[in-house]
Amino acid sequence: MVNSRAKDRTDYLLRPDHGRSLDEASKQALTASLKPDGFDLVIIVSDGLSSHAAHRQVPELLKHLLPYFDESWRLSPIVVVRHGRVAIQDEIGHLLDARLSLMLLGERPGLGSPDSLGAYFTHRPRPGLTDADRNCVSNIRPEGLSPDAAAFRLYHLLTASRRNAISGVGLKDESDSTIKLLA
């Protein structure tokens, strides 16, 4: 469990930059937990703009996603961030020397979907990345993209990202063609 620089919910909403980076104590705690060879994947969870979505969808998504990873994947312990925004994954992934970072957080509530979860990932996370460097799977919820379908899609995207050493606009989602092959 770590903290962003946002002191509370009001600070998180008024100062988005505070939600994009860790406080000093959290940086030190993560640095102390470094593995000599780093990780293939760090999964990060935050409430984002909808704590309801994070509480409702993250356990279900992880239940379907984690079994996909075999022993060839070096997974870090899951990192939970208070008041985190998407870009905080870059700093966390960099501190943990992770090949990939996956951020799960509640999306902006609205249009009748207050329980929608977003999943964002980057290859070689580091501070300074932009949205063009990220991939996103969104609207994860029973009435949108189901957690089991999202897990399948995320696993295939993460595997392609690891294999091709890319993420963002250079990485295309080809999981639908895999689904057709399995049918």
N, C-alpha and C. Protein backbone atom coordinates (compact mmCIF):
# COMPACT_ATOMS: atom_id res chain seq x y z
N MET A 1 0.85 -1.17 0.00
CA MET A 1 0.00 0.00 0.00
C MET A 1 0.89 1.23 0.00
N VAL A 2 0.68 2.11 -1.00
CA VAL A 2 1.45 3.34 -1.10
C VAL A 2 0.52 4.53 -1.29
N ASN A 3 1.09 5.73 -1.23
CA ASN A 3 0.30 6.95 -1.34
C ASN A 3 0.83 7.84 -2.46
N SER A 4 -0.09 8.47 -3.15
CA SER A 4 0.32 9.51 -4.09
C SER A 4 0.63 10.76 -3.27
N ARG A 5 1.02 11.81 -3.95
CA ARG A 5 1.28 13.07 -3.25
C ARG A 5 -0.02 13.79 -2.88
N ALA A 6 -1.16 13.33 -3.37
CA ALA A 6 -2.45 13.95 -3.01
C ALA A 6 -2.74 13.65 -1.54
N LYS A 7 -2.90 14.68 -0.76
CA LYS A 7 -3.10 14.52 0.69
C LYS A 7 -4.48 13.96 1.05
N ASP A 8 -5.47 14.29 0.21
CA ASP A 8 -6.84 13.84 0.46
C ASP A 8 -7.60 13.90 -0.86
N ARG A 9 -8.87 13.58 -0.82
CA ARG A 9 -9.68 13.53 -2.04
C ARG A 9 -9.80 14.90 -2.70
N THR A 10 -9.93 15.95 -1.90
CA THR A 10 -10.02 17.30 -2.44
C THR A 10 -8.75 17.67 -3.20
N ASP A 11 -7.60 17.39 -2.59
CA ASP A 11 -6.32 17.66 -3.24
C ASP A 11 -6.20 16.85 -4.53
N TYR A 12 -6.64 15.60 -4.49
CA TYR A 12 -6.61 14.72 -5.67
C TYR A 12 -7.42 15.33 -6.82
N LEU A 13 -8.59 15.88 -6.51
CA LEU A 13 -9.46 16.46 -7.54
C LEU A 13 -8.96 17.82 -8.03
N LEU A 14 -8.42 18.63 -7.12
CA LEU A 14 -7.99 19.97 -7.49
C LEU A 14 -6.58 20.01 -8.08
N ARG A 15 -5.76 19.03 -7.73
CA ARG A 15 -4.36 19.00 -8.20
C ARG A 15 -4.06 17.64 -8.83
N PRO A 16 -4.50 17.42 -10.08
CA PRO A 16 -4.25 16.13 -10.73
C PRO A 16 -2.79 15.72 -10.73
N ASP A 17 -1.87 16.69 -10.79
CA ASP A 17 -0.45 16.36 -10.78
C ASP A 17 -0.03 15.64 -9.50
N HIS A 18 -0.69 15.91 -8.39
CA HIS A 18 -0.37 15.24 -7.13
C HIS A 18 -0.74 13.75 -7.19
N GLY A 19 -1.75 13.41 -7.95
CA GLY A 19 -2.15 12.02 -8.09
C GLY A 19 -1.30 11.23 -9.07
N ARG A 20 -0.42 11.92 -9.78
CA ARG A 20 0.43 11.27 -10.80
C ARG A 20 1.80 10.87 -10.28
N SER A 21 2.09 11.18 -9.01
CA SER A 21 3.40 10.80 -8.46
C SER A 21 3.26 10.38 -7.01
N LEU A 22 4.24 9.60 -6.56
CA LEU A 22 4.24 9.06 -5.20
C LEU A 22 4.78 10.07 -4.20
N ASP A 23 4.33 9.94 -2.94
CA ASP A 23 4.96 10.72 -1.90
C ASP A 23 6.33 10.10 -1.59
N GLU A 24 7.18 10.82 -0.87
CA GLU A 24 8.55 10.36 -0.63
C GLU A 24 8.62 9.05 0.15
N ALA A 25 7.78 8.88 1.16
CA ALA A 25 7.80 7.64 1.95
C ALA A 25 7.46 6.44 1.08
N SER A 26 6.53 6.60 0.16
CA SER A 26 6.14 5.50 -0.72
C SER A 26 7.25 5.17 -1.71
N LYS A 27 7.95 6.19 -2.22
CA LYS A 27 9.08 5.94 -3.10
C LYS A 27 10.13 5.10 -2.39
N GLN A 28 10.44 5.47 -1.16
CA GLN A 28 11.45 4.74 -0.39
C GLN A 28 11.01 3.31 -0.12
N ALA A 29 9.74 3.12 0.21
CA ALA A 29 9.23 1.77 0.49
C ALA A 29 9.31 0.88 -0.75
N LEU A 30 8.96 1.40 -1.91
CA LEU A 30 9.04 0.61 -3.14
C LEU A 30 10.49 0.32 -3.52
N THR A 31 11.35 1.30 -3.37
CA THR A 31 12.76 1.10 -3.70
C THR A 31 13.37 0.02 -2.81
N ALA A 32 12.96 -0.04 -1.55
CA ALA A 32 13.47 -1.06 -0.64
C ALA A 32 13.00 -2.46 -1.04
N SER A 33 11.93 -2.57 -1.81
CA SER A 33 11.39 -3.88 -2.18
C SER A 33 11.88 -4.36 -3.55
N LEU A 34 12.83 -3.64 -4.15
CA LEU A 34 13.33 -4.02 -5.48
C LEU A 34 13.91 -5.42 -5.50
N LYS A 35 13.64 -6.13 -6.57
CA LYS A 35 14.27 -7.43 -6.85
C LYS A 35 15.46 -7.17 -7.75
N PRO A 36 16.54 -7.94 -7.62
CA PRO A 36 17.71 -7.68 -8.46
C PRO A 36 17.40 -7.73 -9.96
N ASP A 37 16.51 -8.59 -10.39
CA ASP A 37 16.21 -8.73 -11.82
C ASP A 37 14.92 -8.04 -12.24
N GLY A 38 14.29 -7.30 -11.37
CA GLY A 38 13.05 -6.62 -11.70
C GLY A 38 11.89 -7.59 -11.89
N PHE A 39 10.84 -7.12 -12.53
CA PHE A 39 9.62 -7.90 -12.73
C PHE A 39 9.19 -7.79 -14.19
N ASP A 40 8.44 -8.77 -14.64
CA ASP A 40 7.81 -8.66 -15.95
C ASP A 40 6.59 -7.76 -15.88
N LEU A 41 5.87 -7.82 -14.76
CA LEU A 41 4.62 -7.08 -14.65
C LEU A 41 4.38 -6.64 -13.21
N VAL A 42 4.01 -5.38 -13.07
CA VAL A 42 3.51 -4.88 -11.79
C VAL A 42 2.06 -4.47 -12.03
N ILE A 43 1.16 -4.96 -11.18
CA ILE A 43 -0.25 -4.59 -11.24
C ILE A 43 -0.49 -3.57 -10.14
N ILE A 44 -1.08 -2.45 -10.53
CA ILE A 44 -1.33 -1.34 -9.62
C ILE A 44 -2.83 -1.09 -9.58
N VAL A 45 -3.36 -0.89 -8.39
CA VAL A 45 -4.80 -0.66 -8.22
C VAL A 45 -4.99 0.67 -7.49
N SER A 46 -5.93 1.47 -7.99
CA SER A 46 -6.28 2.72 -7.32
C SER A 46 -7.76 2.99 -7.50
N ASP A 47 -8.29 3.81 -6.62
CA ASP A 47 -9.72 4.13 -6.69
C ASP A 47 -10.06 5.00 -7.89
N GLY A 48 -9.11 5.82 -8.33
CA GLY A 48 -9.38 6.70 -9.46
C GLY A 48 -10.55 7.63 -9.17
N LEU A 49 -11.37 7.86 -10.14
CA LEU A 49 -12.52 8.74 -9.96
C LEU A 49 -13.76 8.00 -9.46
N SER A 50 -13.68 6.68 -9.34
CA SER A 50 -14.81 5.90 -8.84
C SER A 50 -14.31 4.76 -7.96
N SER A 51 -14.29 5.00 -6.66
CA SER A 51 -13.88 3.93 -5.74
C SER A 51 -14.87 2.77 -5.80
N HIS A 52 -16.12 3.07 -6.11
CA HIS A 52 -17.14 2.03 -6.26
C HIS A 52 -16.73 1.03 -7.34
N ALA A 53 -16.25 1.53 -8.47
CA ALA A 53 -15.81 0.66 -9.57
C ALA A 53 -14.62 -0.18 -9.15
N ALA A 54 -13.64 0.44 -8.51
CA ALA A 54 -12.45 -0.31 -8.09
C ALA A 54 -12.82 -1.43 -7.11
N HIS A 55 -13.64 -1.12 -6.14
CA HIS A 55 -14.05 -2.13 -5.14
C HIS A 55 -14.88 -3.24 -5.76
N ARG A 56 -15.69 -2.90 -6.73
CA ARG A 56 -16.59 -3.89 -7.32
C ARG A 56 -15.92 -4.73 -8.41
N GLN A 57 -15.12 -4.11 -9.29
CA GLN A 57 -14.62 -4.81 -10.47
C GLN A 57 -13.22 -5.41 -10.31
N VAL A 58 -12.33 -4.79 -9.52
CA VAL A 58 -10.95 -5.28 -9.44
C VAL A 58 -10.88 -6.73 -8.97
N PRO A 59 -11.55 -7.12 -7.87
CA PRO A 59 -11.45 -8.53 -7.45
C PRO A 59 -11.91 -9.51 -8.53
N GLU A 60 -12.98 -9.16 -9.21
CA GLU A 60 -13.51 -10.05 -10.26
C GLU A 60 -12.55 -10.12 -11.45
N LEU A 61 -12.00 -8.98 -11.85
CA LEU A 61 -11.04 -8.97 -12.95
C LEU A 61 -9.80 -9.79 -12.59
N LEU A 62 -9.24 -9.58 -11.41
CA LEU A 62 -8.04 -10.31 -11.01
C LEU A 62 -8.30 -11.81 -10.89
N LYS A 63 -9.49 -12.18 -10.47
CA LYS A 63 -9.85 -13.61 -10.38
C LYS A 63 -9.71 -14.28 -11.74
N HIS A 64 -10.03 -13.55 -12.81
CA HIS A 64 -9.95 -14.11 -14.17
C HIS A 64 -8.57 -13.89 -14.81
N LEU A 65 -7.90 -12.80 -14.45
CA LEU A 65 -6.64 -12.45 -15.09
C LEU A 65 -5.44 -13.23 -14.54
N LEU A 66 -5.30 -13.31 -13.24
CA LEU A 66 -4.10 -13.90 -12.65
C LEU A 66 -3.83 -15.34 -13.08
N PRO A 67 -4.84 -16.20 -13.25
CA PRO A 67 -4.55 -17.58 -13.68
C PRO A 67 -3.90 -17.68 -15.07
N TYR A 68 -4.00 -16.66 -15.90
CA TYR A 68 -3.36 -16.70 -17.21
C TYR A 68 -1.83 -16.70 -17.12
N PHE A 69 -1.29 -16.10 -16.07
CA PHE A 69 0.15 -15.93 -15.98
C PHE A 69 0.81 -17.19 -15.44
N ASP A 70 1.69 -17.78 -16.25
CA ASP A 70 2.41 -18.97 -15.81
C ASP A 70 3.74 -18.57 -15.17
N GLU A 71 4.58 -19.57 -14.89
CA GLU A 71 5.85 -19.30 -14.19
C GLU A 71 6.84 -18.50 -15.03
N SER A 72 6.58 -18.32 -16.31
CA SER A 72 7.49 -17.50 -17.12
C SER A 72 7.30 -16.00 -16.85
N TRP A 73 6.23 -15.64 -16.17
CA TRP A 73 5.98 -14.24 -15.81
C TRP A 73 6.45 -14.00 -14.38
N ARG A 74 7.31 -13.01 -14.20
CA ARG A 74 7.73 -12.59 -12.86
C ARG A 74 6.82 -11.43 -12.44
N LEU A 75 5.85 -11.74 -11.58
CA LEU A 75 4.88 -10.73 -11.14
C LEU A 75 5.33 -10.11 -9.82
N SER A 76 5.22 -8.82 -9.72
CA SER A 76 5.51 -8.16 -8.44
C SER A 76 4.29 -8.32 -7.54
N PRO A 77 4.45 -8.06 -6.26
CA PRO A 77 3.24 -7.97 -5.43
C PRO A 77 2.35 -6.85 -5.97
N ILE A 78 1.06 -7.00 -5.81
CA ILE A 78 0.12 -5.96 -6.27
C ILE A 78 0.34 -4.71 -5.42
N VAL A 79 0.38 -3.57 -6.10
CA VAL A 79 0.58 -2.29 -5.42
C VAL A 79 -0.76 -1.55 -5.40
N VAL A 80 -1.20 -1.15 -4.23
CA VAL A 80 -2.44 -0.39 -4.07
C VAL A 80 -2.05 1.05 -3.74
N VAL A 81 -2.61 2.00 -4.50
CA VAL A 81 -2.25 3.41 -4.36
C VAL A 81 -3.47 4.21 -3.92
N ARG A 82 -3.29 4.98 -2.85
CA ARG A 82 -4.35 5.91 -2.45
C ARG A 82 -4.27 7.15 -3.33
N HIS A 83 -5.40 7.54 -3.88
CA HIS A 83 -5.52 8.77 -4.68
C HIS A 83 -4.57 8.78 -5.88
N GLY A 84 -4.51 7.67 -6.61
CA GLY A 84 -3.62 7.59 -7.76
C GLY A 84 -4.33 7.87 -9.07
N ARG A 85 -3.60 8.47 -9.99
CA ARG A 85 -4.05 8.68 -11.36
C ARG A 85 -3.26 7.77 -12.29
N VAL A 86 -3.66 7.67 -13.54
CA VAL A 86 -3.08 6.72 -14.48
C VAL A 86 -1.56 6.82 -14.54
N ALA A 87 -1.02 8.01 -14.67
CA ALA A 87 0.41 8.18 -14.89
C ALA A 87 1.29 7.75 -13.72
N ILE A 88 0.71 7.53 -12.55
CA ILE A 88 1.52 7.09 -11.42
C ILE A 88 2.12 5.71 -11.68
N GLN A 89 1.50 4.97 -12.62
CA GLN A 89 2.02 3.65 -12.97
C GLN A 89 3.43 3.75 -13.57
N ASP A 90 3.73 4.86 -14.22
CA ASP A 90 5.05 5.02 -14.83
C ASP A 90 6.15 5.08 -13.77
N GLU A 91 5.91 5.84 -12.72
CA GLU A 91 6.88 5.96 -11.64
C GLU A 91 7.01 4.65 -10.87
N ILE A 92 5.89 4.02 -10.57
CA ILE A 92 5.92 2.75 -9.82
C ILE A 92 6.63 1.67 -10.64
N GLY A 93 6.26 1.53 -11.90
CA GLY A 93 6.90 0.53 -12.75
C GLY A 93 8.39 0.77 -12.89
N HIS A 94 8.78 2.03 -13.00
CA HIS A 94 10.20 2.37 -13.12
C HIS A 94 10.95 2.02 -11.83
N LEU A 95 10.38 2.38 -10.68
CA LEU A 95 11.03 2.08 -9.40
C LEU A 95 11.20 0.58 -9.18
N LEU A 96 10.24 -0.21 -9.67
CA LEU A 96 10.30 -1.66 -9.49
C LEU A 96 11.01 -2.37 -10.65
N ASP A 97 11.55 -1.60 -11.59
CA ASP A 97 12.23 -2.15 -12.75
C ASP A 97 11.35 -3.20 -13.45
N ALA A 98 10.10 -2.80 -13.70
CA ALA A 98 9.13 -3.69 -14.34
C ALA A 98 9.15 -3.50 -15.84
N ARG A 99 9.03 -4.59 -16.56
CA ARG A 99 8.94 -4.53 -18.02
C ARG A 99 7.60 -3.94 -18.43
N LEU A 100 6.54 -4.26 -17.69
CA LEU A 100 5.19 -3.75 -17.96
C LEU A 100 4.54 -3.29 -16.67
N SER A 101 3.74 -2.25 -16.76
CA SER A 101 2.91 -1.86 -15.62
C SER A 101 1.45 -1.85 -16.08
N LEU A 102 0.58 -2.35 -15.23
CA LEU A 102 -0.85 -2.40 -15.51
C LEU A 102 -1.58 -1.66 -14.39
N MET A 103 -2.29 -0.61 -14.74
CA MET A 103 -3.01 0.21 -13.77
C MET A 103 -4.50 -0.07 -13.89
N LEU A 104 -5.11 -0.44 -12.78
CA LEU A 104 -6.56 -0.68 -12.71
C LEU A 104 -7.16 0.40 -11.84
N LEU A 105 -8.10 1.16 -12.39
CA LEU A 105 -8.72 2.20 -11.57
C LEU A 105 -10.12 2.53 -12.05
N GLY A 106 -10.89 3.06 -11.11
CA GLY A 106 -12.26 3.44 -11.41
C GLY A 106 -12.29 4.59 -12.39
N GLU A 107 -13.12 4.45 -13.42
CA GLU A 107 -13.24 5.50 -14.43
C GLU A 107 -14.20 6.58 -13.97
N ARG A 108 -14.20 7.67 -14.71
CA ARG A 108 -15.08 8.80 -14.40
C ARG A 108 -16.52 8.32 -14.44
N PRO A 109 -17.25 8.46 -13.34
CA PRO A 109 -18.65 8.02 -13.35
C PRO A 109 -19.50 8.93 -14.23
N GLY A 110 -20.50 8.36 -14.80
CA GLY A 110 -21.40 9.14 -15.64
C GLY A 110 -22.10 8.25 -16.63
N LEU A 111 -23.10 8.79 -17.27
CA LEU A 111 -23.88 8.07 -18.28
C LEU A 111 -24.39 6.72 -17.75
N GLY A 112 -24.71 6.69 -16.47
CA GLY A 112 -25.29 5.48 -15.89
C GLY A 112 -24.30 4.36 -15.65
N SER A 113 -23.00 4.65 -15.60
CA SER A 113 -22.01 3.59 -15.38
C SER A 113 -21.01 3.98 -14.29
N PRO A 114 -21.47 4.13 -13.05
CA PRO A 114 -20.56 4.52 -11.96
C PRO A 114 -19.62 3.40 -11.52
N ASP A 115 -19.82 2.19 -12.07
CA ASP A 115 -19.00 1.06 -11.65
C ASP A 115 -18.03 0.61 -12.74
N SER A 116 -17.67 1.49 -13.65
CA SER A 116 -16.82 1.16 -14.79
C SER A 116 -15.34 1.26 -14.40
N LEU A 117 -14.60 0.19 -14.71
CA LEU A 117 -13.17 0.11 -14.41
C LEU A 117 -12.37 0.29 -15.69
N GLY A 118 -11.24 0.97 -15.59
CA GLY A 118 -10.32 1.11 -16.71
C GLY A 118 -9.03 0.37 -16.39
N ALA A 119 -8.39 -0.21 -17.41
CA ALA A 119 -7.11 -0.90 -17.28
C ALA A 119 -6.15 -0.30 -18.29
N TYR A 120 -5.07 0.29 -17.81
CA TYR A 120 -4.09 0.96 -18.65
C TYR A 120 -2.74 0.27 -18.47
N PHE A 121 -2.02 0.06 -19.56
CA PHE A 121 -0.69 -0.52 -19.38
C PHE A 121 0.33 0.13 -20.30
N THR A 122 1.58 0.05 -19.88
CA THR A 122 2.70 0.56 -20.67
C THR A 122 3.85 -0.44 -20.64
N HIS A 123 4.59 -0.42 -21.72
CA HIS A 123 5.84 -1.19 -21.79
C HIS A 123 6.97 -0.27 -21.34
N ARG A 124 7.89 -0.78 -20.57
CA ARG A 124 9.02 -0.04 -20.00
C ARG A 124 8.55 1.27 -19.36
N PRO A 125 7.73 1.15 -18.31
CA PRO A 125 7.21 2.36 -17.67
C PRO A 125 8.34 3.22 -17.10
N ARG A 126 8.17 4.51 -17.26
CA ARG A 126 9.12 5.48 -16.74
C ARG A 126 8.44 6.85 -16.76
N PRO A 127 8.84 7.73 -15.88
CA PRO A 127 8.24 9.08 -15.88
C PRO A 127 8.41 9.75 -17.24
N GLY A 128 7.39 10.49 -17.63
CA GLY A 128 7.43 11.23 -18.88
C GLY A 128 6.69 10.60 -20.03
N LEU A 129 6.15 9.40 -19.84
CA LEU A 129 5.37 8.78 -20.91
C LEU A 129 4.07 9.56 -21.11
N THR A 130 3.50 9.42 -22.29
CA THR A 130 2.24 10.11 -22.61
C THR A 130 1.16 9.07 -22.87
N ASP A 131 -0.05 9.54 -23.08
CA ASP A 131 -1.16 8.63 -23.38
C ASP A 131 -0.91 7.84 -24.66
N ALA A 132 -0.12 8.37 -25.58
CA ALA A 132 0.20 7.66 -26.82
C ALA A 132 1.05 6.42 -26.55
N ASP A 133 1.68 6.36 -25.36
CA ASP A 133 2.52 5.23 -24.97
C ASP A 133 1.73 4.16 -24.22
N ARG A 134 0.45 4.40 -23.97
CA ARG A 134 -0.38 3.50 -23.18
C ARG A 134 -1.42 2.79 -24.03
N ASN A 135 -1.84 1.65 -23.54
CA ASN A 135 -3.02 0.98 -24.09
C ASN A 135 -4.07 0.99 -22.99
N CYS A 136 -5.32 0.99 -23.40
CA CYS A 136 -6.42 1.04 -22.44
C CYS A 136 -7.50 0.05 -22.82
N VAL A 137 -7.98 -0.66 -21.83
CA VAL A 137 -9.18 -1.48 -21.96
C VAL A 137 -10.15 -0.87 -20.96
N SER A 138 -11.27 -0.36 -21.43
CA SER A 138 -12.17 0.37 -20.54
C SER A 138 -13.57 -0.22 -20.53
N ASN A 139 -14.39 0.37 -19.67
CA ASN A 139 -15.78 -0.04 -19.49
C ASN A 139 -15.88 -1.49 -19.01
N ILE A 140 -14.95 -1.86 -18.12
CA ILE A 140 -14.95 -3.20 -17.54
C ILE A 140 -15.99 -3.23 -16.43
N ARG A 141 -17.05 -3.96 -16.69
CA ARG A 141 -18.16 -4.10 -15.75
C ARG A 141 -19.14 -5.10 -16.36
N PRO A 142 -20.00 -5.70 -15.58
CA PRO A 142 -20.91 -6.71 -16.14
C PRO A 142 -21.75 -6.22 -17.31
N GLU A 143 -22.17 -4.95 -17.30
CA GLU A 143 -23.01 -4.42 -18.37
C GLU A 143 -22.20 -3.88 -19.55
N GLY A 144 -20.88 -3.91 -19.45
CA GLY A 144 -19.99 -3.44 -20.52
C GLY A 144 -19.14 -4.60 -21.00
N LEU A 145 -17.83 -4.46 -20.86
CA LEU A 145 -16.91 -5.55 -21.16
C LEU A 145 -16.76 -6.37 -19.88
N SER A 146 -17.24 -7.60 -19.90
CA SER A 146 -17.24 -8.41 -18.69
C SER A 146 -15.82 -8.62 -18.17
N PRO A 147 -15.66 -8.78 -16.86
CA PRO A 147 -14.32 -9.00 -16.30
C PRO A 147 -13.59 -10.20 -16.91
N ASP A 148 -14.29 -11.29 -17.23
CA ASP A 148 -13.59 -12.43 -17.84
C ASP A 148 -13.14 -12.12 -19.26
N ALA A 149 -13.95 -11.40 -20.05
CA ALA A 149 -13.55 -11.00 -21.40
C ALA A 149 -12.41 -9.98 -21.34
N ALA A 150 -12.49 -9.06 -20.37
CA ALA A 150 -11.42 -8.07 -20.21
C ALA A 150 -10.11 -8.75 -19.82
N ALA A 151 -10.18 -9.76 -18.96
CA ALA A 151 -8.97 -10.48 -18.55
C ALA A 151 -8.32 -11.16 -19.75
N PHE A 152 -9.13 -11.79 -20.58
CA PHE A 152 -8.63 -12.45 -21.79
C PHE A 152 -7.94 -11.44 -22.70
N ARG A 153 -8.61 -10.32 -22.94
CA ARG A 153 -8.06 -9.27 -23.81
C ARG A 153 -6.78 -8.69 -23.22
N LEU A 154 -6.77 -8.41 -21.93
CA LEU A 154 -5.57 -7.85 -21.29
C LEU A 154 -4.40 -8.81 -21.36
N TYR A 155 -4.65 -10.09 -21.10
CA TYR A 155 -3.56 -11.06 -21.14
C TYR A 155 -2.94 -11.10 -22.55
N HIS A 156 -3.77 -11.12 -23.56
CA HIS A 156 -3.24 -11.16 -24.93
C HIS A 156 -2.50 -9.88 -25.29
N LEU A 157 -3.00 -8.74 -24.87
CA LEU A 157 -2.30 -7.48 -25.13
C LEU A 157 -0.98 -7.42 -24.37
N LEU A 158 -0.99 -7.81 -23.10
CA LEU A 158 0.24 -7.79 -22.30
C LEU A 158 1.29 -8.74 -22.87
N THR A 159 0.84 -9.91 -23.31
CA THR A 159 1.76 -10.88 -23.91
C THR A 159 2.37 -10.33 -25.20
N ALA A 160 1.55 -9.70 -26.03
CA ALA A 160 2.06 -9.10 -27.27
C ALA A 160 3.00 -7.94 -26.96
N SER A 161 2.68 -7.17 -25.95
CA SER A 161 3.52 -6.04 -25.56
C SER A 161 4.89 -6.54 -25.08
N ARG A 162 4.88 -7.58 -24.26
CA ARG A 162 6.14 -8.15 -23.77
C ARG A 162 6.95 -8.74 -24.92
N ARG A 163 6.31 -9.47 -25.80
CA ARG A 163 7.00 -10.13 -26.92
C ARG A 163 7.57 -9.11 -27.91
N ASN A 164 6.82 -8.05 -28.22
CA ASN A 164 7.22 -7.08 -29.23
C ASN A 164 7.91 -5.83 -28.67
N ALA A 165 7.99 -5.74 -27.34
CA ALA A 165 8.63 -4.60 -26.67
C ALA A 165 8.01 -3.26 -27.07
N ILE A 166 6.67 -3.22 -27.13
CA ILE A 166 5.97 -1.98 -27.46
C ILE A 166 4.66 -1.88 -26.67
N SER A 167 4.16 -0.69 -26.60
CA SER A 167 2.80 -0.44 -26.10
C SER A 167 2.33 0.85 -26.74
N GLY A 168 1.10 1.20 -26.50
CA GLY A 168 0.55 2.43 -27.05
C GLY A 168 0.10 2.27 -28.48
N VAL A 169 0.26 3.32 -29.26
CA VAL A 169 -0.28 3.33 -30.62
C VAL A 169 0.36 2.28 -31.52
N GLY A 170 1.53 1.79 -31.18
CA GLY A 170 2.19 0.77 -31.99
C GLY A 170 1.67 -0.64 -31.78
N LEU A 171 0.86 -0.84 -30.74
CA LEU A 171 0.37 -2.17 -30.39
C LEU A 171 -1.12 -2.27 -30.74
N LYS A 172 -1.46 -3.25 -31.55
CA LYS A 172 -2.86 -3.44 -31.96
C LYS A 172 -3.47 -4.62 -31.22
N ASP A 173 -4.73 -4.50 -30.88
CA ASP A 173 -5.46 -5.57 -30.19
C ASP A 173 -5.92 -6.61 -31.20
N GLU A 174 -5.33 -7.78 -31.14
CA GLU A 174 -5.70 -8.87 -32.03
C GLU A 174 -6.34 -10.02 -31.26
N SER A 175 -6.82 -9.74 -30.05
CA SER A 175 -7.42 -10.80 -29.23
C SER A 175 -8.70 -11.34 -29.83
N ASP A 176 -9.43 -10.53 -30.60
CA ASP A 176 -10.67 -11.03 -31.24
C ASP A 176 -10.37 -12.17 -32.20
N SER A 177 -9.25 -12.08 -32.94
CA SER A 177 -8.92 -13.17 -33.86
C SER A 177 -8.54 -14.42 -33.08
N THR A 178 -7.97 -14.27 -31.88
CA THR A 178 -7.66 -15.43 -31.03
C THR A 178 -8.94 -16.06 -30.54
N ILE A 179 -9.93 -15.25 -30.19
CA ILE A 179 -11.21 -15.78 -29.74
C ILE A 179 -11.85 -16.62 -30.85
N LYS A 180 -11.78 -16.12 -32.10
CA LYS A 180 -12.37 -16.86 -33.24
C LYS A 180 -11.67 -18.19 -33.45
N LEU A 181 -10.34 -18.24 -33.23
CA LEU A 181 -9.61 -19.49 -33.37
C LEU A 181 -10.02 -20.51 -32.32
N LEU A 182 -10.34 -20.03 -31.12
CA LEU A 182 -10.73 -20.91 -30.03
C LEU A 182 -12.15 -21.41 -30.17
N ALA A 183 -12.98 -20.69 -30.93
CA ALA A 183 -14.40 -21.05 -31.07
C ALA A 183 -14.60 -22.29 -31.90
